[in-house]
């Protein structure tokens, strides 16, 4: 396949992985497993791109917001622009399908106040 994920990750320490993908290797494995059954990713997988490859392309895009054309040769992956776009779209849709499992919003006033205080306490975010 045009995407050797073991090669891609083997040369990176966890710190470098976090710098490059904004996620450590354990997190990448977690999300690879979580997204493995997604119908959105199966469509691209038939083209020969493993789920982990699609995830890494999307993570790099999410981490940098760089132009799609600069992701085509991401650490020697040699992907077409169409493949890069499909990876980003498919991973985005697969993640969106998991929002109920991973995201929650405060439903009452006290929960809103607690959430605001938590953001301020942990991130200095008003």
C-alpha atoms as a PDB file:
ATOM      1  CA  UNK A   1       0.000   0.000   0.000  1.00  0.00           C
ATOM      2  CA  UNK A   2       1.130   3.600  -0.413  1.00  0.00           C
ATOM      3  CA  UNK A   3       0.938   4.040   3.372  1.00  0.00           C
ATOM      4  CA  UNK A   4       3.308   2.149   5.650  1.00  0.00           C
ATOM      5  CA  UNK A   5       2.063   3.273   9.057  1.00  0.00           C
ATOM      6  CA  UNK A   6       4.705   1.314  10.952  1.00  0.00           C
ATOM      7  CA  UNK A   7       7.449   3.160   9.058  1.00  0.00           C
ATOM      8  CA  UNK A   8       5.574   6.401   9.523  1.00  0.00           C
ATOM      9  CA  UNK A   9       5.437   6.054  13.310  1.00  0.00           C
ATOM     10  CA  UNK A  10       8.616   4.078  13.986  1.00  0.00           C
ATOM     11  CA  UNK A  11      10.918   7.046  13.557  1.00  0.00           C
ATOM     12  CA  UNK A  12       8.933   9.221  15.942  1.00  0.00           C
ATOM     13  CA  UNK A  13       9.196   9.368  19.720  1.00  0.00           C
ATOM     14  CA  UNK A  14       5.917   9.917  21.590  1.00  0.00           C
ATOM     15  CA  UNK A  15       6.844  13.590  21.976  1.00  0.00           C
ATOM     16  CA  UNK A  16       7.504  13.944  18.241  1.00  0.00           C
ATOM     17  CA  UNK A  17       4.288  12.067  17.517  1.00  0.00           C
ATOM     18  CA  UNK A  18       2.370  14.548  19.670  1.00  0.00           C
ATOM     19  CA  UNK A  19       4.101  17.455  17.923  1.00  0.00           C
ATOM     20  CA  UNK A  20       3.338  16.021  14.480  1.00  0.00           C
ATOM     21  CA  UNK A  21      -0.148  14.510  14.946  1.00  0.00           C
ATOM     22  CA  UNK A  22      -1.247  16.126  18.262  1.00  0.00           C
ATOM     23  CA  UNK A  23      -1.727  12.602  19.643  1.00  0.00           C
ATOM     24  CA  UNK A  24       0.659  10.052  21.140  1.00  0.00           C
ATOM     25  CA  UNK A  25       1.093   6.534  19.736  1.00  0.00           C
ATOM     26  CA  UNK A  26      -1.258   5.031  22.315  1.00  0.00           C
ATOM     27  CA  UNK A  27      -3.935   7.560  21.350  1.00  0.00           C
ATOM     28  CA  UNK A  28      -3.440   6.754  17.675  1.00  0.00           C
ATOM     29  CA  UNK A  29      -3.910   3.046  18.428  1.00  0.00           C
ATOM     30  CA  UNK A  30      -7.027   3.809  20.498  1.00  0.00           C
ATOM     31  CA  UNK A  31      -8.639   5.822  17.713  1.00  0.00           C
ATOM     32  CA  UNK A  32      -7.571   3.329  15.043  1.00  0.00           C
ATOM     33  CA  UNK A  33      -9.441   0.602  16.940  1.00  0.00           C
ATOM     34  CA  UNK A  34     -12.401   2.871  17.665  1.00  0.00           C
ATOM     35  CA  UNK A  35     -12.775   3.845  14.003  1.00  0.00           C
ATOM     36  CA  UNK A  36     -12.031   0.401  12.526  1.00  0.00           C
ATOM     37  CA  UNK A  37     -15.690  -0.520  12.144  1.00  0.00           C
ATOM     38  CA  UNK A  38     -16.814   2.801  10.692  1.00  0.00           C
ATOM     39  CA  UNK A  39     -18.740   2.524   7.434  1.00  0.00           C
ATOM     40  CA  UNK A  40     -17.197   5.829   6.362  1.00  0.00           C
ATOM     41  CA  UNK A  41     -13.677   4.414   6.503  1.00  0.00           C
ATOM     42  CA  UNK A  42     -14.509   1.084   4.861  1.00  0.00           C
ATOM     43  CA  UNK A  43     -15.210   2.862   1.594  1.00  0.00           C
ATOM     44  CA  UNK A  44     -11.659   4.236   1.452  1.00  0.00           C
ATOM     45  CA  UNK A  45     -10.162   1.031   2.879  1.00  0.00           C
ATOM     46  CA  UNK A  46     -11.369  -0.830  -0.220  1.00  0.00           C
ATOM     47  CA  UNK A  47      -9.012   1.416  -2.165  1.00  0.00           C
ATOM     48  CA  UNK A  48      -6.134  -0.036  -0.135  1.00  0.00           C
ATOM     49  CA  UNK A  49      -5.674   2.519   2.631  1.00  0.00           C
ATOM     50  CA  UNK A  50      -5.665   1.081   6.154  1.00  0.00           C
ATOM     51  CA  UNK A  51      -7.736   2.829   8.803  1.00  0.00           C
ATOM     52  CA  UNK A  52      -4.575   3.938  10.628  1.00  0.00           C
ATOM     53  CA  UNK A  53      -3.260   5.571   7.463  1.00  0.00           C
ATOM     54  CA  UNK A  54      -6.502   7.476   6.983  1.00  0.00           C
ATOM     55  CA  UNK A  55      -6.434   8.537  10.616  1.00  0.00           C
ATOM     56  CA  UNK A  56      -2.840   9.792  10.409  1.00  0.00           C
ATOM     57  CA  UNK A  57      -3.572  11.850   7.297  1.00  0.00           C
ATOM     58  CA  UNK A  58      -6.630  13.389   8.953  1.00  0.00           C
ATOM     59  CA  UNK A  59      -4.804  14.006  12.242  1.00  0.00           C
ATOM     60  CA  UNK A  60      -2.009  15.827  10.439  1.00  0.00           C
ATOM     61  CA  UNK A  61      -4.566  17.955   8.636  1.00  0.00           C
ATOM     62  CA  UNK A  62      -6.457  18.668  11.885  1.00  0.00           C
ATOM     63  CA  UNK A  63      -3.164  19.467  13.658  1.00  0.00           C
ATOM     64  CA  UNK A  64      -1.902  21.933  11.077  1.00  0.00           C
ATOM     65  CA  UNK A  65      -4.736  22.958   8.796  1.00  0.00           C
ATOM     66  CA  UNK A  66      -2.146  22.795   6.022  1.00  0.00           C
ATOM     67  CA  UNK A  67      -3.105  22.681   2.392  1.00  0.00           C
ATOM     68  CA  UNK A  68      -4.204  19.298   1.103  1.00  0.00           C
ATOM     69  CA  UNK A  69      -1.470  19.297  -1.534  1.00  0.00           C
ATOM     70  CA  UNK A  70       1.205  19.421   1.192  1.00  0.00           C
ATOM     71  CA  UNK A  71      -0.225  16.248   2.773  1.00  0.00           C
ATOM     72  CA  UNK A  72       0.168  14.172  -0.394  1.00  0.00           C
ATOM     73  CA  UNK A  73       3.772  13.297   0.428  1.00  0.00           C
ATOM     74  CA  UNK A  74       3.357  13.159   4.182  1.00  0.00           C
ATOM     75  CA  UNK A  75       6.473  11.302   5.340  1.00  0.00           C
ATOM     76  CA  UNK A  76       6.717   9.544   1.955  1.00  0.00           C
ATOM     77  CA  UNK A  77       3.109   8.271   1.841  1.00  0.00           C
ATOM     78  CA  UNK A  78       2.726   9.288  -1.804  1.00  0.00           C
ATOM     79  CA  UNK A  79      -1.049   9.736  -1.790  1.00  0.00           C
ATOM     80  CA  UNK A  80      -3.124  11.420  -4.457  1.00  0.00           C
ATOM     81  CA  UNK A  81      -4.993  14.614  -3.618  1.00  0.00           C
ATOM     82  CA  UNK A  82      -8.250  12.675  -3.936  1.00  0.00           C
ATOM     83  CA  UNK A  83      -7.053  10.090  -1.413  1.00  0.00           C
ATOM     84  CA  UNK A  84      -6.070  12.804   1.044  1.00  0.00           C
ATOM     85  CA  UNK A  85      -9.463  14.492   0.706  1.00  0.00           C
ATOM     86  CA  UNK A  86     -11.235  11.138   1.120  1.00  0.00           C
ATOM     87  CA  UNK A  87      -9.217  10.359   4.257  1.00  0.00           C
ATOM     88  CA  UNK A  88     -10.028  13.692   5.872  1.00  0.00           C
ATOM     89  CA  UNK A  89     -13.705  13.455   4.962  1.00  0.00           C
ATOM     90  CA  UNK A  90     -14.085   9.830   6.026  1.00  0.00           C
ATOM     91  CA  UNK A  91     -12.316  10.283   9.365  1.00  0.00           C
ATOM     92  CA  UNK A  92     -14.327  13.434  10.060  1.00  0.00           C
ATOM     93  CA  UNK A  93     -17.605  11.602   9.418  1.00  0.00           C
ATOM     94  CA  UNK A  94     -16.489   8.610  11.493  1.00  0.00           C
ATOM     95  CA  UNK A  95     -15.563  10.881  14.413  1.00  0.00           C
ATOM     96  CA  UNK A  96     -18.874  12.717  14.098  1.00  0.00           C
ATOM     97  CA  UNK A  97     -20.660   9.383  14.481  1.00  0.00           C
ATOM     98  CA  UNK A  98     -18.997   9.014  17.892  1.00  0.00           C
ATOM     99  CA  UNK A  99     -19.989  12.396  19.306  1.00  0.00           C
ATOM    100  CA  UNK A 100     -22.664  11.000  21.620  1.00  0.00           C
ATOM    101  CA  UNK A 101     -20.107   8.649  23.145  1.00  0.00           C
ATOM    102  CA  UNK A 102     -17.412  11.285  23.715  1.00  0.00           C
ATOM    103  CA  UNK A 103     -19.106  14.688  23.948  1.00  0.00           C
ATOM    104  CA  UNK A 104     -21.660  15.998  26.373  1.00  0.00           C
ATOM    105  CA  UNK A 105     -23.032  19.438  26.987  1.00  0.00           C
ATOM    106  CA  UNK A 106     -24.298  20.906  30.248  1.00  0.00           C
ATOM    107  CA  UNK A 107     -28.076  20.679  30.407  1.00  0.00           C
ATOM    108  CA  UNK A 108     -28.890  22.894  33.381  1.00  0.00           C
ATOM    109  CA  UNK A 109     -27.617  26.170  34.826  1.00  0.00           C
ATOM    110  CA  UNK A 110     -25.489  24.582  37.555  1.00  0.00           C
ATOM    111  CA  UNK A 111     -23.821  22.291  34.998  1.00  0.00           C
ATOM    112  CA  UNK A 112     -23.078  25.340  32.799  1.00  0.00           C
ATOM    113  CA  UNK A 113     -21.500  27.159  35.766  1.00  0.00           C
ATOM    114  CA  UNK A 114     -19.437  24.071  36.684  1.00  0.00           C
ATOM    115  CA  UNK A 115     -18.252  23.703  33.083  1.00  0.00           C
ATOM    116  CA  UNK A 116     -17.228  27.367  32.889  1.00  0.00           C
ATOM    117  CA  UNK A 117     -15.348  27.095  36.181  1.00  0.00           C
ATOM    118  CA  UNK A 118     -13.613  23.945  34.960  1.00  0.00           C
ATOM    119  CA  UNK A 119     -12.439  25.649  31.777  1.00  0.00           C
ATOM    120  CA  UNK A 120     -11.150  28.576  33.812  1.00  0.00           C
ATOM    121  CA  UNK A 121      -9.414  26.341  36.348  1.00  0.00           C
ATOM    122  CA  UNK A 122      -7.689  24.049  33.841  1.00  0.00           C
ATOM    123  CA  UNK A 123      -7.090  26.300  30.887  1.00  0.00           C
ATOM    124  CA  UNK A 124      -7.576  29.886  31.962  1.00  0.00           C
ATOM    125  CA  UNK A 125     -10.396  30.035  29.440  1.00  0.00           C
ATOM    126  CA  UNK A 126     -13.253  32.362  30.424  1.00  0.00           C
END
